[in-house]
């Protein structure tokens, strides 16, 4: 089975699971920090909950967060007391190294931080956890200092690095040029974007296939030039292919940032070899190897679009084609060639019940 995320009480989690051994060894012997077992049992008595991931092999992830408004004492000085979100525990099982699970988990935490509206989110981590530190720096956390033998990494919404879609996640650069649409058939959409039908309360229910994170690779064959470029936001349009009216069943579900666009073929001319093409896609496509080969051999135009999954409207908030057309957000040309202004982009966010001012922050 793929595995499931759920919100569970500390008291319902088996502390003897080998999954926790690395944390126990980190906390054991510290003069200023309680042993992990003591900390865990105290939180269990308080009724605390954590986001956990289970699959056939047992626990795969454990993440605990809490709002706080305390000073952060560092060896290098003091961070003043403001409302922050603290990631008090963040642990991914070693068997998921090299996969997208840690990326997806961190995305869930940052979505929750965005929802709270706090300026800062931070985590303390031992330098031995290089995989986690790599994920944190990838998503824009910076080293603020040290305390009790750990490093403190902070991300501040007032100092977002917009040079890379991962570093700025989940906030969109207010200076983006234009936005666009990416059309994805429904049967591929639901594999690429698994959150999109969930109610938008990430602490109630989150189901995530371990192969899915925030990095998405789309392979398409547009019939005209794309209406967006790397660094632009795009809305993902779920194209309905079954029975019923497409005008009411096809809808915008999701918004992403474009990380990169790589043209494999244009007008029948290949710009990379088949081997280069397969290497670039890796294991990130919804297509199997036979279909990937068929696309390369038979499509006159073929493009790889790398995306970072920024947000979703959620069940009851997705926006159908009829609304887009009636409200000036859908032109007469092919949708992937359409360009959306800031005003149109914000209008669609608002209709999807998203607070645009908490997505595009000045």
Protein backbone atom coordinates (compact mmCIF):
# COMPACT_ATOMS: atom_id res chain seq x y z
CA UNK A 1 0.00 0.00 0.00
CA UNK A 2 1.12 3.55 -0.65
CA UNK A 3 0.74 4.80 2.89
CA UNK A 4 -1.43 7.27 4.74
CA UNK A 5 -0.91 10.47 6.71
CA UNK A 6 -3.13 10.99 9.72
CA UNK A 7 -3.33 13.23 12.77
CA UNK A 8 -2.84 11.09 15.88
CA UNK A 9 -2.43 11.60 19.59
CA UNK A 10 1.01 11.03 21.08
CA UNK A 11 -0.66 8.62 23.51
CA UNK A 12 -1.75 6.40 20.59
CA UNK A 13 1.74 6.08 19.15
CA UNK A 14 4.13 3.29 20.15
CA UNK A 15 7.25 4.95 21.55
CA UNK A 16 9.08 1.60 21.41
CA UNK A 17 8.95 1.61 17.61
CA UNK A 18 12.53 1.44 16.21
CA UNK A 19 11.57 4.50 14.14
CA UNK A 20 12.32 6.71 17.18
CA UNK A 21 15.80 5.36 17.95
CA UNK A 22 17.66 8.19 16.25
CA UNK A 23 15.72 10.83 18.20
CA UNK A 24 16.29 9.00 21.48
CA UNK A 25 20.02 8.91 20.84
CA UNK A 26 20.04 12.64 20.02
CA UNK A 27 18.27 13.63 23.24
CA UNK A 28 20.00 11.17 25.56
CA UNK A 29 22.62 12.82 27.75
CA UNK A 30 21.83 16.43 27.03
CA UNK A 31 22.23 18.64 30.10
CA UNK A 32 19.59 21.19 29.11
CA UNK A 33 17.03 19.12 27.22
CA UNK A 34 14.87 16.37 28.71
CA UNK A 35 15.43 12.87 27.42
CA UNK A 36 13.18 12.19 24.43
CA UNK A 37 11.10 9.59 26.28
CA UNK A 38 10.29 12.08 29.03
CA UNK A 39 9.42 14.81 26.54
CA UNK A 40 7.22 12.44 24.53
CA UNK A 41 5.35 11.15 27.59
CA UNK A 42 4.77 14.69 28.87
CA UNK A 43 3.23 15.66 25.54
CA UNK A 44 1.08 12.52 25.60
CA UNK A 45 -0.32 13.56 28.98
CA UNK A 46 -1.05 17.02 27.58
CA UNK A 47 -3.12 15.45 24.79
CA UNK A 48 -0.77 16.67 22.04
CA UNK A 49 -1.13 15.39 18.49
CA UNK A 50 1.30 14.80 15.64
CA UNK A 51 1.08 14.22 11.92
CA UNK A 52 2.26 10.67 11.27
CA UNK A 53 2.74 8.57 8.17
CA UNK A 54 2.18 4.82 8.18
CA UNK A 55 2.72 2.22 5.49
CA UNK A 56 3.10 -1.55 5.41
CA UNK A 57 6.47 -1.31 7.18
CA UNK A 58 5.19 0.86 10.04
CA UNK A 59 5.93 4.46 10.96
CA UNK A 60 7.52 6.45 8.18
CA UNK A 61 7.21 10.04 9.41
CA UNK A 62 6.43 11.93 12.61
CA UNK A 63 5.91 15.70 12.66
CA UNK A 64 4.83 17.81 15.61
CA UNK A 65 4.24 21.57 15.43
CA UNK A 66 3.07 24.16 17.93
CA UNK A 67 2.41 27.91 18.00
CA UNK A 68 4.46 29.80 20.57
CA UNK A 69 5.33 33.36 21.50
CA UNK A 70 8.58 33.06 23.42
CA UNK A 71 12.08 34.46 23.16
CA UNK A 72 14.54 32.18 21.40
CA UNK A 73 17.79 32.14 23.33
CA UNK A 74 20.72 31.49 21.01
CA UNK A 75 24.43 31.26 21.71
CA UNK A 76 24.78 34.27 19.39
CA UNK A 77 22.02 36.38 21.00
CA UNK A 78 18.24 36.46 21.50
CA UNK A 79 15.36 36.44 19.07
CA UNK A 80 12.54 38.59 20.51
CA UNK A 81 9.24 37.09 21.63
CA UNK A 82 6.80 37.11 18.70
CA UNK A 83 4.13 34.67 17.56
CA UNK A 84 5.87 31.85 15.69
CA UNK A 85 5.24 28.31 14.54
CA UNK A 86 7.72 25.85 15.97
CA UNK A 87 8.42 22.52 14.29
CA UNK A 88 9.14 20.67 17.52
CA UNK A 89 9.80 17.30 15.85
CA UNK A 90 10.44 16.38 12.23
CA UNK A 91 11.54 12.81 11.54
CA UNK A 92 11.43 10.79 8.31
CA UNK A 93 12.38 7.10 8.19
CA UNK A 94 15.69 6.39 6.39
CA UNK A 95 13.91 4.11 3.89
CA UNK A 96 12.35 7.20 2.30
CA UNK A 97 15.63 8.94 1.52
CA UNK A 98 15.76 10.01 -2.10
CA UNK A 99 11.97 10.01 -2.38
CA UNK A 100 9.53 12.94 -2.11
CA UNK A 101 8.00 12.15 1.26
CA UNK A 102 10.11 14.66 3.25
CA UNK A 103 9.38 17.35 0.67
CA UNK A 104 5.66 16.69 0.92
CA UNK A 105 5.74 16.75 4.72
CA UNK A 106 7.59 20.06 4.80
CA UNK A 107 5.07 21.45 2.34
CA UNK A 108 2.23 20.52 4.69
CA UNK A 109 3.98 22.27 7.59
CA UNK A 110 4.57 25.42 5.54
CA UNK A 111 0.95 25.46 4.38
CA UNK A 112 -0.07 25.33 8.02
CA UNK A 113 2.34 28.19 8.83
CA UNK A 114 0.80 30.21 6.00
CA UNK A 115 -2.66 29.46 7.39
CA UNK A 116 -1.68 30.72 10.86
CA UNK A 117 -0.35 33.95 9.35
CA UNK A 118 2.71 34.06 11.63
CA UNK A 119 5.84 35.89 10.48
CA UNK A 120 8.21 33.07 11.38
CA UNK A 121 8.49 29.31 11.43
CA UNK A 122 11.53 27.62 12.94
CA UNK A 123 13.07 24.29 13.86
CA UNK A 124 16.08 23.13 15.86
CA UNK A 125 18.11 20.31 14.34
CA UNK A 126 21.32 18.45 15.12
CA UNK A 127 24.01 18.84 12.47
CA UNK A 128 24.07 15.05 12.00
CA UNK A 129 20.66 15.27 10.26
CA UNK A 130 22.03 16.49 6.95
CA UNK A 131 19.06 15.22 4.92
CA UNK A 132 16.67 17.41 6.92
CA UNK A 133 19.01 20.39 6.79
CA UNK A 134 19.18 19.98 3.02
CA UNK A 135 15.37 20.06 2.79
CA UNK A 136 15.14 23.09 5.06
CA UNK A 137 17.64 25.14 3.07
CA UNK A 138 15.99 24.06 -0.18
CA UNK A 139 12.74 25.55 1.13
CA UNK A 140 14.25 28.86 2.20
CA UNK A 141 15.11 28.26 5.85
CA UNK A 142 18.32 29.99 6.95
CA UNK A 143 20.66 29.29 9.83
CA UNK A 144 19.87 31.77 12.61
CA UNK A 145 22.21 30.47 15.30
CA UNK A 146 22.79 27.67 17.77
CA UNK A 147 21.55 26.53 21.15
CA UNK A 148 22.03 23.43 23.30
CA UNK A 149 24.23 21.85 20.65
CA UNK A 150 21.60 22.23 17.92
CA UNK A 151 21.31 24.57 14.94
CA UNK A 152 18.26 26.82 14.66
CA UNK A 153 16.78 27.31 11.18
CA UNK A 154 14.19 30.04 10.53
CA UNK A 155 11.98 31.13 7.67
CA UNK A 156 10.42 34.61 7.77
CA UNK A 157 7.57 35.72 5.51
CA UNK A 158 8.95 39.28 5.55
CA UNK A 159 12.23 38.13 4.00
CA UNK A 160 11.23 35.66 1.30
CA UNK A 161 13.80 34.64 -1.31
CA UNK A 162 11.92 34.67 -4.63
CA UNK A 163 14.91 33.51 -6.69
CA UNK A 164 13.68 29.93 -6.59
CA UNK A 165 10.13 28.48 -6.32
CA UNK A 166 11.15 26.13 -3.52
CA UNK A 167 12.74 28.87 -1.41
CA UNK A 168 9.67 31.12 -1.73
CA UNK A 169 7.11 28.35 -1.09
CA UNK A 170 4.22 28.87 -0.32
CA UNK A 171 4.32 32.55 -1.33
CA UNK A 172 4.21 33.84 -4.92
CA UNK A 173 6.50 36.64 -6.06
CA UNK A 174 4.36 39.81 -6.24
CA UNK A 175 6.45 40.91 -9.23
CA UNK A 176 5.56 37.96 -11.47
CA UNK A 177 5.04 38.96 -15.10
CA UNK A 178 2.02 36.90 -16.12
CA UNK A 179 0.23 33.70 -15.17
CA UNK A 180 -1.18 30.92 -17.32
CA UNK A 181 -3.07 27.63 -17.51
CA UNK A 182 -1.77 24.08 -17.66
CA UNK A 183 -4.35 21.58 -18.95
CA UNK A 184 -4.13 18.07 -17.49
CA UNK A 185 -6.51 15.22 -18.32
CA UNK A 186 -8.49 14.10 -15.27
CA UNK A 187 -6.96 10.62 -14.99
CA UNK A 188 -3.41 12.06 -14.89
CA UNK A 189 -4.40 15.08 -12.80
CA UNK A 190 -5.55 13.00 -9.84
CA UNK A 191 -2.18 11.23 -9.64
CA UNK A 192 -0.10 14.38 -9.99
CA UNK A 193 -2.18 16.55 -7.62
CA UNK A 194 -3.57 14.31 -4.85
CA UNK A 195 -4.60 17.09 -2.46
CA UNK A 196 -6.97 18.82 -4.83
CA UNK A 197 -10.21 17.11 -3.80
CA UNK A 198 -9.55 17.40 -0.05
CA UNK A 199 -11.30 19.84 2.21
CA UNK A 200 -8.78 22.58 2.81
CA UNK A 201 -7.97 21.83 6.45
CA UNK A 202 -4.66 20.02 6.35
CA UNK A 203 -4.82 18.98 10.00
CA UNK A 204 -8.08 17.04 9.61
CA UNK A 205 -7.28 14.60 6.85
CA UNK A 206 -4.31 14.33 4.54
CA UNK A 207 -3.77 11.34 2.27
CA UNK A 208 -0.56 11.27 0.30
CA UNK A 209 1.01 8.61 -1.90
CA UNK A 210 4.69 8.28 -0.98
CA UNK A 211 5.67 8.89 -4.59
CA UNK A 212 4.05 12.34 -4.48
CA UNK A 213 5.69 15.43 -3.10
CA UNK A 214 5.62 19.06 -4.20
CA UNK A 215 7.85 18.53 -7.25
CA UNK A 216 5.77 17.73 -10.31
CA UNK A 217 6.85 16.92 -13.86
CA UNK A 218 4.37 17.42 -16.69
CA UNK A 219 4.98 16.08 -20.18
CA UNK A 220 2.83 17.58 -22.90
CA UNK A 221 2.56 18.33 -26.61
CA UNK A 222 1.15 21.87 -26.94
CA UNK A 223 -0.14 22.90 -30.33
CA UNK A 224 1.09 26.47 -29.85
CA UNK A 225 3.60 28.46 -27.81
CA UNK A 226 3.05 28.35 -24.06
CA UNK A 227 1.55 31.41 -22.37
CA UNK A 228 3.91 31.21 -19.42
CA UNK A 229 7.62 30.80 -18.66
CA UNK A 230 9.87 29.65 -15.84
CA UNK A 231 9.15 31.70 -12.72
CA UNK A 232 5.48 32.28 -13.56
CA UNK A 233 2.52 30.94 -11.58
CA UNK A 234 0.08 28.64 -13.40
CA UNK A 235 -3.37 27.32 -12.66
CA UNK A 236 -3.84 23.61 -13.24
CA UNK A 237 -6.99 22.95 -15.25
CA UNK A 238 -8.44 19.47 -14.74
CA UNK A 239 -9.87 18.52 -18.13
CA UNK A 240 -12.94 16.29 -17.81
CA UNK A 241 -12.81 13.34 -20.21
CA UNK A 242 -15.87 11.34 -19.07
CA UNK A 243 -19.60 11.72 -19.66
CA UNK A 244 -21.43 14.92 -18.76
CA UNK A 245 -20.91 18.56 -19.62
CA UNK A 246 -17.20 19.49 -19.75
CA UNK A 247 -18.13 23.12 -19.09
CA UNK A 248 -19.26 22.26 -15.59
CA UNK A 249 -16.98 19.28 -14.90
CA UNK A 250 -13.67 20.67 -16.20
CA UNK A 251 -12.22 23.03 -13.61
CA UNK A 252 -9.23 24.79 -12.12
CA UNK A 253 -8.13 22.94 -8.98
CA UNK A 254 -4.59 23.94 -8.17
CA UNK A 255 -1.93 26.62 -8.57
CA UNK A 256 1.77 25.98 -9.09
CA UNK A 257 4.99 27.80 -9.83
CA UNK A 258 6.91 26.89 -12.98
CA UNK A 259 10.42 25.75 -12.05
CA UNK A 260 11.67 25.02 -15.57
CA UNK A 261 10.49 24.45 -19.14
CA UNK A 262 12.49 22.13 -21.39
CA UNK A 263 11.50 21.69 -25.03
CA UNK A 264 12.27 18.14 -26.13
CA UNK A 265 10.93 18.61 -29.68
CA UNK A 266 9.61 21.56 -31.68
CA UNK A 267 7.97 21.15 -35.07
CA UNK A 268 9.42 17.67 -35.38
CA UNK A 269 12.98 18.72 -34.51
CA UNK A 270 14.43 17.07 -31.39
CA UNK A 271 16.60 19.22 -29.12
CA UNK A 272 17.74 16.28 -26.98
CA UNK A 273 18.42 12.60 -27.48
CA UNK A 274 16.03 9.94 -26.22
CA UNK A 275 18.52 9.06 -23.47
CA UNK A 276 18.76 12.71 -22.37
CA UNK A 277 14.97 12.97 -22.40
CA UNK A 278 14.53 9.87 -20.22
CA UNK A 279 17.26 11.04 -17.83
CA UNK A 280 15.58 14.43 -17.44
CA UNK A 281 12.20 12.87 -16.62
CA UNK A 282 13.63 10.20 -14.29
CA UNK A 283 10.86 8.53 -12.28
CA UNK A 284 8.73 11.66 -12.03
CA UNK A 285 6.26 11.02 -14.85
CA UNK A 286 2.80 9.45 -14.64
CA UNK A 287 3.60 7.64 -17.91
CA UNK A 288 5.32 4.25 -18.09
CA UNK A 289 8.50 3.77 -20.15
CA UNK A 290 6.63 2.47 -23.21
CA UNK A 291 4.37 5.52 -23.33
CA UNK A 292 7.33 7.86 -22.80
CA UNK A 293 9.05 6.27 -25.79
CA UNK A 294 5.87 6.57 -27.85
CA UNK A 295 5.59 10.28 -27.00
CA UNK A 296 9.20 10.91 -27.99
CA UNK A 297 8.93 9.02 -31.27
CA UNK A 298 5.55 10.27 -32.47
CA UNK A 299 4.87 13.77 -31.11
CA UNK A 300 5.93 16.70 -33.29
CA UNK A 301 6.14 18.96 -30.25
CA UNK A 302 7.03 17.76 -26.77
CA UNK A 303 7.80 19.77 -23.66
CA UNK A 304 8.79 18.94 -20.08
CA UNK A 305 7.40 21.38 -17.51
CA UNK A 306 8.77 21.16 -13.98
CA UNK A 307 6.40 22.54 -11.36
CA UNK A 308 6.27 23.20 -7.64
CA UNK A 309 2.82 22.48 -6.19
CA UNK A 310 1.89 25.68 -4.30
CA UNK A 311 -1.71 25.32 -3.29
CA UNK A 312 -5.12 23.87 -4.00
CA UNK A 313 -8.68 25.10 -3.81
CA UNK A 314 -10.09 21.92 -2.28
CA UNK A 315 -13.44 20.18 -2.40
CA UNK A 316 -16.30 22.59 -3.08
CA UNK A 317 -13.99 25.40 -4.21
CA UNK A 318 -12.75 24.25 -7.62
CA UNK A 319 -13.68 26.65 -10.45
CA UNK A 320 -15.34 25.31 -13.59
CA UNK A 321 -14.89 26.42 -17.17
CA UNK A 322 -18.29 28.16 -17.29
CA UNK A 323 -17.30 30.54 -14.48
CA UNK A 324 -13.88 31.21 -16.04
CA UNK A 325 -15.49 32.03 -19.40
CA UNK A 326 -18.26 34.19 -17.93
CA UNK A 327 -15.84 36.23 -15.79
CA UNK A 328 -13.28 37.14 -18.43
CA UNK A 329 -10.66 34.59 -17.43
CA UNK A 330 -10.84 32.33 -20.49
CA UNK A 331 -10.05 33.57 -23.97
CA UNK A 332 -10.83 32.13 -27.38
CA UNK A 333 -7.42 30.55 -28.04
CA UNK A 334 -5.94 27.30 -26.80
CA UNK A 335 -5.80 27.53 -22.98
CA UNK A 336 -2.07 26.82 -22.55
CA UNK A 337 -1.29 29.84 -24.77
CA UNK A 338 -3.44 32.21 -22.70
CA UNK A 339 -1.86 34.78 -20.45
CA UNK A 340 -3.46 35.97 -17.22
CA UNK A 341 -2.89 39.36 -15.64
CA UNK A 342 -2.39 39.96 -11.90
CA UNK A 343 -6.01 41.04 -11.71
CA UNK A 344 -7.28 37.86 -13.37
CA UNK A 345 -4.99 35.69 -11.24
CA UNK A 346 -6.26 37.28 -8.03
CA UNK A 347 -9.87 37.03 -9.21
CA UNK A 348 -9.50 33.27 -9.70
CA UNK A 349 -7.83 32.85 -6.30
CA UNK A 350 -10.67 34.75 -4.66
CA UNK A 351 -13.31 32.63 -6.39
CA UNK A 352 -11.48 29.54 -5.12
CA UNK A 353 -11.86 30.91 -1.58
CA UNK A 354 -8.15 31.68 -1.28
CA UNK A 355 -6.95 34.85 0.45
CA UNK A 356 -4.72 36.29 -2.28
CA UNK A 357 -3.05 38.64 0.22
CA UNK A 358 -1.78 35.55 2.08
CA UNK A 359 -0.39 34.06 -1.12
CA UNK A 360 1.07 37.14 -2.79
CA UNK A 361 2.60 39.20 0.00
CA UNK A 362 4.13 42.64 -0.59
